[in-house]
Amino acid sequence: MKKLALFPALICLAMACTSKTEVDLLIKNASVIELQSGEVIPDQVVLVRGDSIYLSGGDSLLSQFTGKIEIDAGARFLMPGLWDNHVHFGGAEYVDENERLLPLYLAYGVTSVRDAAGDIPLEVLEWKREINAGERLGPKIFTSGPKIEGIDSVWPGDLEIGTEEELDRALDSLEKLDVDFVKITDNALSAELFLSATRKARARGWSVSGHVHPVITLDEISKAGLTTIEHQGYLLRAATSEEETIRDGRLTGKLSPAEASLLQFTTLSDSVAGIKFRQFAAQGTGVVPTLLISYNIAYLDSLDFSHDTIMDYLGPRLKESYQWRIDRYAQEDSASRKNRKMQFEASARLLPLAWESGMKIMAGTDAGYLNTYDYPGLAIHRELALMVRYGLSPLQALQASMVNGPAYFGLEEEYGAIRAGRKASMVLLNKNPLEAIENTLSIESVIVDGTYLSRADLDGMLAEIKSWVKAKK
């Protein structure tokens, strides 16, 4: 009888030994891409709880854990979600079309975006809040809110300032909005206020991004604290020992635009560029190249966008906003078009020099309204391909998106790797992007903040967007 009484206890003990801990999502048989080293680690198990990775490791984890959702990756390639580090939500008269871009980004594996200003900042901030609260499905949004500009700027929605007092009030308002960084441009802003805005924004703890004022040298704005130069074309100004001569000549009228351009092109020097880029790196200034929009504009007369099916997922007003650049390009003569191409090629070839200097390069596209054929979602894939075409390795291009992007906001320990404690925003690919960067488009599924989206889910999202756009026509 005593032996029989032991049986229930033995059964309970056996059950306890074989019970597994349940997680929200279990991915097995994944080939994990390690972005720091470029290593591909096969046969990995990734466990997700809530919005974060709980554990990752070998298949021994399968004996300890079970998932509410279990995915067999089948040796496919798992990497962190893509970051597009320069996008624009804008067009106050078509906010609804901008809103449809949120699922479009996810469908293309973009799980985080850096919004570099537009004229609908309050709507963008609300979307950001809803996404962070789990009330809306979309990419993580990091936004500058409205950008700082001068009085009577051509861009709608700016914070226009003409005095130091107005600058202080503008920065106060950005603090109340709780923006993630500050954007400054130079359409109507004086050089003095541009420098002051950079210094004061940095003093308040923000990273600062911007264009480079025509009468400020890159070294001057770097020393003032500019964190990122937006658009690589500006780096050309630092690739010649004649930067100050060209600046002063344009300012005083001693040099015409054509003369300034000729002087710049005839004095371009990789050695000068390397010295200055290393200086910028030491001073904490990086660059967001946005190669794609410059490439599109430079080669608009020879590129064919008629087969880009992604146009089916863009609202009619957003597509109409592309027309202004097309019209402007149509009015340019052959000499101007040739000069555009020369400018683009000369600046694009500086990309590996900037990388080698230690400057932080962040992959961003300028995607959104106004920027012709710079398609939200698809653009980052084309940007990465151009980065590789102009001298980076596939690994470096991926690092520019998913490592340097979060580092800009001090989030290195939350993103950029598939390991315990990092955010569960990932993309499962059918092909290895380290072998060919175009393989970033071979998307099998997407995980955003722990939410699993299968290929069928992504296709359903695209179908819904397409149907909505069709109804808008």
Protein backbone atom coordinates (compact mmCIF):
# COMPACT_ATOMS: atom_id res chain seq x y z
CA MET A 1 0.00 0.00 0.00
CA LYS A 2 2.86 2.39 0.80
CA LYS A 3 4.37 1.72 -2.62
CA LEU A 4 1.04 2.50 -4.30
CA ALA A 5 0.79 5.79 -2.39
CA LEU A 6 4.06 6.89 -3.96
CA PHE A 7 2.66 6.70 -7.50
CA PRO A 8 0.77 10.03 -7.54
CA ALA A 9 3.84 11.82 -6.21
CA LEU A 10 6.03 10.23 -8.85
CA ILE A 11 3.55 11.15 -11.57
CA CYS A 12 3.45 14.79 -10.36
CA LEU A 13 7.24 14.91 -10.24
CA ALA A 14 7.45 13.56 -13.78
CA MET A 15 4.93 16.11 -15.02
CA ALA A 16 6.84 18.92 -13.32
CA CYS A 17 10.07 17.79 -14.94
CA THR A 18 8.52 17.84 -18.40
CA SER A 19 6.46 21.05 -18.12
CA LYS A 20 7.57 23.98 -20.27
CA THR A 21 7.49 27.70 -19.74
CA GLU A 22 5.21 29.47 -22.18
CA VAL A 23 6.30 32.61 -24.06
CA ASP A 24 4.29 34.75 -26.45
CA LEU A 25 6.30 33.88 -29.56
CA LEU A 26 8.81 31.12 -30.27
CA ILE A 27 10.89 31.17 -33.45
CA LYS A 28 13.02 28.10 -34.18
CA ASN A 29 15.50 27.06 -36.88
CA ALA A 30 16.44 30.66 -37.60
CA SER A 31 19.71 31.81 -39.16
CA VAL A 32 20.34 34.89 -37.06
CA ILE A 33 22.30 37.75 -38.62
CA GLU A 34 24.65 39.35 -36.10
CA LEU A 35 25.05 42.93 -37.30
CA GLN A 36 28.13 43.78 -35.26
CA SER A 37 30.30 40.99 -36.65
CA GLY A 38 28.48 40.00 -39.83
CA GLU A 39 28.28 36.43 -38.59
CA VAL A 40 25.28 34.28 -39.48
CA ILE A 41 24.41 31.96 -36.59
CA PRO A 42 22.37 28.93 -37.72
CA ASP A 43 19.76 26.86 -35.88
CA GLN A 44 18.79 29.56 -33.41
CA VAL A 45 15.73 29.78 -31.18
CA VAL A 46 14.35 33.23 -30.33
CA LEU A 47 11.81 33.65 -27.52
CA VAL A 48 9.62 36.74 -27.23
CA ARG A 49 7.64 38.00 -24.27
CA GLY A 50 5.61 41.16 -24.69
CA ASP A 51 7.54 43.62 -26.85
CA SER A 52 11.01 42.25 -26.04
CA ILE A 53 13.25 39.28 -26.74
CA TYR A 54 13.27 37.09 -23.64
CA LEU A 55 16.01 34.64 -24.65
CA SER A 56 17.86 33.48 -27.73
CA GLY A 57 20.16 30.54 -28.22
CA GLY A 58 20.46 26.99 -29.46
CA ASP A 59 17.73 24.39 -29.86
CA SER A 60 18.17 23.19 -26.26
CA LEU A 61 15.69 25.97 -25.46
CA LEU A 62 12.98 23.92 -27.19
CA SER A 63 12.96 21.46 -24.29
CA GLN A 64 12.30 24.28 -21.84
CA PHE A 65 9.88 26.62 -23.62
CA THR A 66 6.74 26.58 -25.68
CA GLY A 67 5.12 29.48 -27.50
CA LYS A 68 1.58 30.74 -27.86
CA ILE A 69 2.69 31.25 -31.44
CA GLU A 70 5.46 29.01 -32.78
CA ILE A 71 7.24 29.72 -36.05
CA ASP A 72 9.58 27.35 -37.86
CA ALA A 73 11.93 29.69 -39.73
CA GLY A 74 13.21 26.81 -41.85
CA ALA A 75 16.79 28.19 -41.84
CA ARG A 76 15.59 31.56 -43.12
CA PHE A 77 17.49 34.69 -42.12
CA LEU A 78 16.38 36.68 -39.08
CA MET A 79 17.64 40.23 -38.57
CA PRO A 80 16.51 43.33 -36.67
CA GLY A 81 13.78 45.39 -38.30
CA LEU A 82 14.86 48.07 -40.76
CA TRP A 83 15.20 51.72 -39.74
CA ASP A 84 14.54 54.49 -42.25
CA ASN A 85 16.36 57.38 -40.63
CA HIS A 86 14.98 60.23 -42.72
CA VAL A 87 11.31 60.25 -43.70
CA HIS A 88 8.64 62.94 -43.93
CA PHE A 89 5.00 62.78 -42.97
CA GLY A 90 3.36 65.85 -44.46
CA GLY A 91 0.58 67.43 -46.45
CA ALA A 92 -2.00 68.93 -44.12
CA GLU A 93 -4.73 68.40 -46.71
CA TYR A 94 -4.10 64.65 -46.92
CA VAL A 95 -3.36 63.48 -43.40
CA ASP A 96 -5.35 60.31 -44.09
CA GLU A 97 -2.98 59.33 -46.89
CA ASN A 98 -0.02 59.79 -44.55
CA GLU A 99 -1.75 57.58 -41.99
CA ARG A 100 -1.90 54.74 -44.52
CA LEU A 101 1.90 54.85 -44.77
CA LEU A 102 2.22 53.33 -41.30
CA PRO A 103 1.14 49.80 -42.30
CA LEU A 104 2.95 50.25 -45.62
CA TYR A 105 6.25 50.71 -43.78
CA LEU A 106 5.64 47.51 -41.81
CA ALA A 107 4.82 45.58 -44.97
CA TYR A 108 8.30 46.47 -46.23
CA GLY A 109 10.02 45.44 -43.00
CA VAL A 110 10.55 48.98 -41.69
CA THR A 111 9.87 48.83 -37.95
CA SER A 112 11.28 52.27 -37.00
CA VAL A 113 11.28 55.65 -38.76
CA ARG A 114 12.93 58.97 -37.99
CA ASP A 115 10.53 61.72 -39.07
CA ALA A 116 12.59 64.76 -40.09
CA ALA A 117 9.80 67.37 -39.95
CA GLY A 118 6.68 68.20 -41.89
CA ASP A 119 3.50 70.23 -41.55
CA ILE A 120 1.42 67.67 -39.59
CA PRO A 121 3.52 67.32 -36.41
CA LEU A 122 0.57 67.03 -34.01
CA GLU A 123 -0.90 64.12 -35.95
CA VAL A 124 2.50 62.40 -36.10
CA LEU A 125 3.00 62.85 -32.37
CA GLU A 126 -0.42 61.30 -31.74
CA TRP A 127 0.41 58.32 -33.97
CA LYS A 128 3.66 57.93 -32.06
CA ARG A 129 1.77 57.92 -28.75
CA GLU A 130 -0.76 55.37 -30.00
CA ILE A 131 1.94 53.05 -31.36
CA ASN A 132 3.95 53.25 -28.14
CA ALA A 133 0.79 52.51 -26.13
CA GLY A 134 -0.07 49.49 -28.27
CA GLU A 135 -3.22 51.17 -29.57
CA ARG A 136 -2.07 51.30 -33.20
CA LEU A 137 0.04 49.01 -35.36
CA GLY A 138 2.89 50.85 -37.02
CA PRO A 139 6.62 51.47 -37.00
CA LYS A 140 8.19 53.10 -33.97
CA ILE A 141 8.24 56.84 -34.69
CA PHE A 142 11.04 59.19 -33.65
CA THR A 143 10.17 62.73 -34.68
CA SER A 144 11.60 66.24 -34.69
CA GLY A 145 8.14 67.80 -34.74
CA PRO A 146 8.15 71.09 -36.69
CA LYS A 147 11.56 72.24 -37.86
CA ILE A 148 13.19 75.57 -37.03
CA GLU A 149 13.34 78.06 -39.90
CA GLY A 150 13.49 81.77 -40.64
CA ILE A 151 10.64 84.21 -41.20
CA ASP A 152 8.59 83.57 -44.35
CA SER A 153 10.10 80.15 -45.05
CA VAL A 154 8.78 78.45 -48.17
CA TRP A 155 7.98 75.32 -46.16
CA PRO A 156 4.62 75.18 -44.35
CA GLY A 157 4.43 74.19 -40.70
CA ASP A 158 7.84 75.49 -39.63
CA LEU A 159 8.65 77.27 -36.39
CA GLU A 160 9.69 80.58 -37.93
CA ILE A 161 12.10 82.70 -35.89
CA GLY A 162 13.83 86.04 -36.41
CA THR A 163 15.32 86.75 -32.98
CA GLU A 164 17.01 84.96 -30.10
CA GLU A 165 13.86 85.41 -28.02
CA GLU A 166 11.77 83.73 -30.69
CA LEU A 167 14.34 80.94 -30.87
CA ASP A 168 14.05 80.35 -27.13
CA ARG A 169 10.25 80.22 -27.36
CA ALA A 170 10.49 77.80 -30.28
CA LEU A 171 12.73 75.47 -28.29
CA ASP A 172 10.36 75.76 -25.32
CA SER A 173 7.50 74.65 -27.55
CA LEU A 174 9.50 71.66 -28.81
CA GLU A 175 10.14 70.65 -25.21
CA LYS A 176 6.39 70.75 -24.52
CA LEU A 177 5.79 68.56 -27.57
CA ASP A 178 8.44 66.15 -26.25
CA VAL A 179 10.14 65.73 -29.61
CA ASP A 180 13.00 63.26 -30.05
CA PHE A 181 15.47 65.56 -31.83
CA VAL A 182 15.62 68.99 -33.47
CA LYS A 183 15.68 69.74 -37.21
CA ILE A 184 17.02 73.07 -38.56
CA THR A 185 17.02 74.24 -42.19
CA ASP A 186 18.22 77.32 -43.98
CA ASN A 187 15.61 78.54 -46.45
CA ALA A 188 15.08 81.84 -44.60
CA LEU A 189 17.11 81.45 -41.39
CA SER A 190 20.13 83.70 -40.80
CA ALA A 191 23.53 82.13 -40.29
CA GLU A 192 23.75 83.62 -36.78
CA LEU A 193 20.43 82.11 -35.68
CA PHE A 194 21.29 78.82 -37.38
CA LEU A 195 24.44 78.50 -35.28
CA SER A 196 22.67 79.68 -32.15
CA ALA A 197 19.77 77.26 -32.64
CA THR A 198 22.23 74.39 -32.99
CA ARG A 199 24.13 75.33 -29.83
CA LYS A 200 21.01 75.96 -27.75
CA ALA A 201 19.26 72.76 -28.86
CA ARG A 202 22.36 70.74 -28.01
CA ALA A 203 22.56 72.47 -24.62
CA ARG A 204 19.02 71.26 -23.92
CA GLY A 205 20.08 67.68 -24.59
CA TRP A 206 18.76 67.06 -28.11
CA SER A 207 20.54 65.63 -31.08
CA VAL A 208 20.40 68.20 -33.87
CA SER A 209 19.99 67.48 -37.57
CA GLY A 210 19.96 69.91 -40.42
CA HIS A 211 20.99 71.22 -43.77
CA VAL A 212 24.14 73.37 -43.85
CA HIS A 213 23.67 77.13 -44.22
CA PRO A 214 25.47 78.44 -47.34
CA VAL A 215 27.56 80.97 -45.39
CA ILE A 216 28.59 78.52 -42.64
CA THR A 217 31.40 76.05 -43.24
CA LEU A 218 30.85 72.44 -42.33
CA ASP A 219 33.53 72.67 -39.67
CA GLU A 220 31.79 75.67 -38.07
CA ILE A 221 28.43 73.92 -37.85
CA SER A 222 30.09 70.71 -36.68
CA LYS A 223 31.81 72.57 -33.84
CA ALA A 224 28.49 74.22 -32.96
CA GLY A 225 27.13 70.73 -32.31
CA LEU A 226 25.30 69.53 -35.42
CA THR A 227 24.79 65.80 -34.89
CA THR A 228 23.82 64.87 -38.43
CA ILE A 229 24.23 66.56 -41.77
CA GLU A 230 21.09 65.69 -43.71
CA HIS A 231 21.95 64.92 -47.37
CA GLN A 232 25.40 63.89 -48.49
CA GLY A 233 25.66 66.59 -51.14
CA TYR A 234 26.75 69.01 -48.43
CA LEU A 235 29.90 66.95 -47.84
CA LEU A 236 31.23 68.13 -51.20
CA ARG A 237 31.83 71.51 -49.61
CA ALA A 238 34.37 69.94 -47.26
CA ALA A 239 36.11 67.94 -50.00
CA THR A 240 38.12 70.93 -51.21
CA SER A 241 40.68 73.19 -49.57
CA GLU A 242 38.83 76.09 -51.20
CA GLU A 243 35.64 75.78 -49.11
CA GLU A 244 36.01 79.20 -47.48
CA THR A 245 37.03 80.88 -50.77
CA ILE A 246 33.96 79.45 -52.49
CA ARG A 247 31.72 80.42 -49.57
CA ASP A 248 33.07 83.99 -49.45
CA GLY A 249 32.94 84.34 -53.22
CA ARG A 250 29.28 83.34 -53.36
CA LEU A 251 28.47 85.59 -50.40
CA THR A 252 30.10 88.69 -51.91
CA GLY A 253 29.09 87.98 -55.49
CA LYS A 254 32.67 87.64 -56.69
CA LEU A 255 31.91 84.11 -57.84
CA SER A 256 28.91 83.19 -59.96
CA PRO A 257 27.24 79.83 -59.29
CA ALA A 258 28.95 78.41 -62.38
CA GLU A 259 32.37 79.76 -61.31
CA ALA A 260 31.91 78.42 -57.78
CA SER A 261 30.93 75.01 -59.13
CA LEU A 262 33.94 74.91 -61.47
CA LEU A 263 36.33 75.87 -58.68
CA GLN A 264 34.90 73.20 -56.44
CA PHE A 265 35.12 70.43 -59.04
CA THR A 266 38.66 71.32 -60.06
CA THR A 267 39.88 71.29 -56.45
CA LEU A 268 38.17 68.18 -55.09
CA SER A 269 40.59 66.13 -53.02
CA ASP A 270 40.10 62.80 -51.28
CA SER A 271 42.93 63.59 -48.87
CA VAL A 272 41.34 66.91 -47.88
CA ALA A 273 37.96 65.19 -47.52
CA GLY A 274 39.47 62.46 -45.34
CA ILE A 275 41.12 64.98 -43.00
CA LYS A 276 37.92 67.00 -42.60
CA PHE A 277 35.69 63.97 -42.24
CA ARG A 278 37.88 62.63 -39.43
CA GLN A 279 37.59 66.01 -37.76
CA PHE A 280 33.79 65.91 -38.06
CA ALA A 281 33.77 62.40 -36.61
CA ALA A 282 35.85 63.53 -33.63
CA GLN A 283 33.41 66.39 -33.09
CA GLY A 284 30.42 64.03 -33.14
CA THR A 285 28.96 64.95 -36.54
CA GLY A 286 27.58 62.20 -38.77
CA VAL A 287 25.67 62.18 -42.04
CA VAL A 288 22.38 60.86 -43.43
CA PRO A 289 23.27 60.51 -47.15
CA THR A 290 19.71 60.25 -48.62
CA LEU A 291 21.29 59.05 -51.85
CA LEU A 292 18.00 57.89 -53.33
CA ILE A 293 16.26 61.23 -53.71
CA SER A 294 19.38 62.84 -55.18
CA TYR A 295 19.80 59.91 -57.57
CA ASN A 296 16.15 60.08 -58.63
CA ILE A 297 16.42 63.80 -59.38
CA ALA A 298 19.80 63.60 -61.10
CA TYR A 299 18.71 60.81 -63.43
CA LEU A 300 15.03 61.70 -63.80
CA ASP A 301 15.41 61.90 -67.58
CA SER A 302 16.56 58.29 -67.89
CA LEU A 303 14.83 56.39 -65.07
CA ASP A 304 11.61 54.48 -65.71
CA PHE A 305 9.21 54.40 -62.74
CA SER A 306 6.19 53.21 -64.72
CA HIS A 307 6.51 49.62 -63.47
CA ASP A 308 6.74 50.52 -59.77
CA THR A 309 3.68 48.73 -58.42
CA ILE A 310 4.12 50.40 -55.04
CA MET A 311 2.41 53.42 -56.61
CA ASP A 312 -0.81 51.40 -56.13
CA TYR A 313 -0.40 51.86 -52.36
CA LEU A 314 0.10 55.63 -52.33
CA GLY A 315 -2.77 58.09 -52.05
CA PRO A 316 -3.56 60.33 -55.03
CA ARG A 317 -2.63 63.61 -53.32
CA LEU A 318 0.69 62.23 -52.15
CA LYS A 319 1.50 61.12 -55.70
CA GLU A 320 0.46 64.53 -57.01
CA SER A 321 3.00 66.12 -54.67
CA TYR A 322 5.75 64.46 -56.74
CA GLN A 323 4.90 66.62 -59.73
CA TRP A 324 6.66 69.83 -58.66
CA ARG A 325 10.12 68.28 -58.99
CA ILE A 326 9.16 66.74 -62.33
CA ASP A 327 8.00 70.14 -63.61
CA ARG A 328 11.13 71.87 -62.35
CA TYR A 329 13.38 69.27 -63.96
CA ALA A 330 11.55 69.68 -67.28
CA GLN A 331 12.56 73.35 -67.32
CA GLU A 332 16.27 72.67 -66.85
CA ASP A 333 18.61 72.78 -69.83
CA SER A 334 21.07 70.04 -70.73
CA ALA A 335 23.96 71.80 -68.99
CA SER A 336 22.02 71.96 -65.70
CA ARG A 337 21.08 68.31 -65.98
CA LYS A 338 24.67 67.33 -66.66
CA ASN A 339 25.78 69.36 -63.65
CA ARG A 340 23.22 67.59 -61.44
CA LYS A 341 24.62 64.22 -62.44
CA MET A 342 28.18 65.39 -61.83
CA GLN A 343 27.22 66.74 -58.41
CA PHE A 344 25.52 63.50 -57.44
CA GLU A 345 28.33 61.22 -58.62
CA ALA A 346 30.98 63.37 -56.94
CA SER A 347 29.16 63.41 -53.61
CA ALA A 348 28.12 59.73 -53.72
CA ARG A 349 31.72 58.57 -54.15
CA LEU A 350 32.53 60.25 -50.82
CA LEU A 351 30.46 57.65 -48.97
CA PRO A 352 33.26 55.13 -48.24
CA LEU A 353 35.60 57.99 -47.28
CA ALA A 354 33.05 59.16 -44.73
CA TRP A 355 32.68 55.62 -43.37
CA GLU A 356 36.43 55.10 -43.11
CA SER A 357 36.79 58.44 -41.29
CA GLY A 358 34.60 57.23 -38.44
CA MET A 359 31.67 59.52 -39.24
CA LYS A 360 28.41 57.86 -38.24
CA ILE A 361 26.44 57.17 -41.40
CA MET A 362 22.71 56.65 -40.98
CA ALA A 363 20.63 55.16 -43.78
CA GLY A 364 17.68 57.43 -44.54
CA THR A 365 15.72 58.11 -47.68
CA ASP A 366 13.76 61.41 -47.58
CA ALA A 367 10.70 59.28 -48.38
CA GLY A 368 7.26 60.81 -48.16
CA TYR A 369 5.40 63.68 -49.71
CA LEU A 370 7.06 66.06 -52.23
CA ASN A 371 10.07 63.82 -52.87
CA THR A 372 9.58 62.32 -56.29
CA TYR A 373 9.45 58.52 -56.58
CA ASP A 374 10.96 58.22 -53.10
CA TYR A 375 8.45 55.62 -51.99
CA PRO A 376 7.77 55.09 -48.27
CA GLY A 377 8.67 51.53 -47.31
CA LEU A 378 10.40 50.52 -50.53
CA ALA A 379 12.79 53.48 -50.41
CA ILE A 380 15.05 52.13 -47.66
CA HIS A 381 15.71 48.99 -49.70
CA ARG A 382 16.72 51.11 -52.69
CA GLU A 383 18.80 53.39 -50.45
CA LEU A 384 20.74 50.42 -49.07
CA ALA A 385 21.33 49.15 -52.61
CA LEU A 386 22.74 52.55 -53.62
CA MET A 387 24.97 52.63 -50.54
CA VAL A 388 26.46 49.32 -51.62
CA ARG A 389 26.73 50.47 -55.22
CA TYR A 390 28.75 53.49 -54.09
CA GLY A 391 31.21 51.68 -51.90
CA LEU A 392 29.83 50.21 -48.68
CA SER A 393 29.60 46.49 -48.01
CA PRO A 394 26.14 44.98 -47.45
CA LEU A 395 26.99 44.64 -43.75
CA GLN A 396 27.98 48.30 -43.47
CA ALA A 397 24.78 49.38 -45.21
CA LEU A 398 22.70 47.30 -42.78
CA GLN A 399 24.63 48.75 -39.84
CA ALA A 400 23.91 52.26 -41.15
CA SER A 401 20.21 51.47 -40.92
CA MET A 402 19.72 49.26 -37.84
CA VAL A 403 22.77 49.98 -35.66
CA ASN A 404 23.53 53.65 -36.24
CA GLY A 405 19.85 54.58 -36.33
CA PRO A 406 19.10 53.61 -32.72
CA ALA A 407 22.54 54.83 -31.58
CA TYR A 408 21.51 58.35 -32.64
CA PHE A 409 18.96 58.28 -29.82
CA GLY A 410 21.15 56.44 -27.31
CA LEU A 411 19.16 53.24 -27.80
CA GLU A 412 22.04 50.88 -28.59
CA GLU A 413 20.96 48.49 -25.84
CA GLU A 414 17.36 48.29 -27.06
CA TYR A 415 17.73 47.77 -30.81
CA GLY A 416 20.23 46.61 -33.43
CA ALA A 417 20.67 42.98 -32.34
CA ILE A 418 18.71 39.81 -31.73
CA ARG A 419 19.49 38.99 -28.13
CA ALA A 420 17.84 38.96 -24.72
CA GLY A 421 16.55 42.34 -23.58
CA ARG A 422 16.36 43.93 -27.05
CA LYS A 423 13.08 45.03 -28.58
CA ALA A 424 11.31 42.31 -30.51
CA SER A 425 11.22 44.10 -33.87
CA MET A 426 12.63 41.76 -36.50
CA VAL A 427 12.37 40.72 -40.15
CA LEU A 428 12.53 37.13 -41.39
CA LEU A 429 14.05 36.95 -44.89
CA ASN A 430 14.07 34.13 -47.42
CA LYS A 431 17.54 35.13 -48.68
CA ASN A 432 20.73 36.37 -47.05
CA PRO A 433 21.17 40.17 -47.40
CA LEU A 434 24.88 39.87 -46.59
CA GLU A 435 25.33 38.03 -49.90
CA ALA A 436 23.24 40.51 -51.91
CA ILE A 437 21.76 43.62 -50.33
CA GLU A 438 18.68 43.35 -52.59
CA ASN A 439 17.71 40.32 -50.50
CA THR A 440 16.31 42.68 -47.85
CA LEU A 441 13.20 42.58 -50.02
CA SER A 442 12.75 38.79 -49.64
CA ILE A 443 10.46 39.31 -46.66
CA GLU A 444 8.73 36.26 -45.24
CA SER A 445 7.39 37.83 -42.04
CA VAL A 446 7.79 40.83 -39.75
CA ILE A 447 7.71 41.11 -35.96
CA VAL A 448 7.06 44.59 -34.59
CA ASP A 449 7.17 45.13 -30.83
CA GLY A 450 6.41 41.44 -30.36
CA THR A 451 3.48 41.31 -32.79
CA TYR A 452 3.99 38.63 -35.44
CA LEU A 453 2.90 39.44 -39.00
CA SER A 454 3.05 36.50 -41.39
CA ARG A 455 3.46 36.87 -45.15
CA ALA A 456 -0.29 36.40 -45.42
CA ASP A 457 -0.84 39.15 -42.85
CA LEU A 458 1.47 41.51 -44.74
CA ASP A 459 -0.23 40.75 -48.04
CA GLY A 460 -3.58 41.39 -46.39
CA MET A 461 -2.36 44.77 -45.14
CA LEU A 462 -1.17 45.68 -48.63
CA ALA A 463 -4.48 44.60 -50.15
CA GLU A 464 -6.37 46.75 -47.67
CA ILE A 465 -4.19 49.80 -48.43
CA LYS A 466 -4.59 49.26 -52.17
CA SER A 467 -8.37 49.01 -51.83
CA TRP A 468 -8.46 52.20 -49.76
CA VAL A 469 -6.35 54.08 -52.32
CA LYS A 470 -8.55 52.86 -55.17
CA ALA A 471 -11.63 54.16 -53.37
CA LYS A 472 -9.97 57.57 -52.97
CA LYS A 473 -9.57 58.12 -56.72
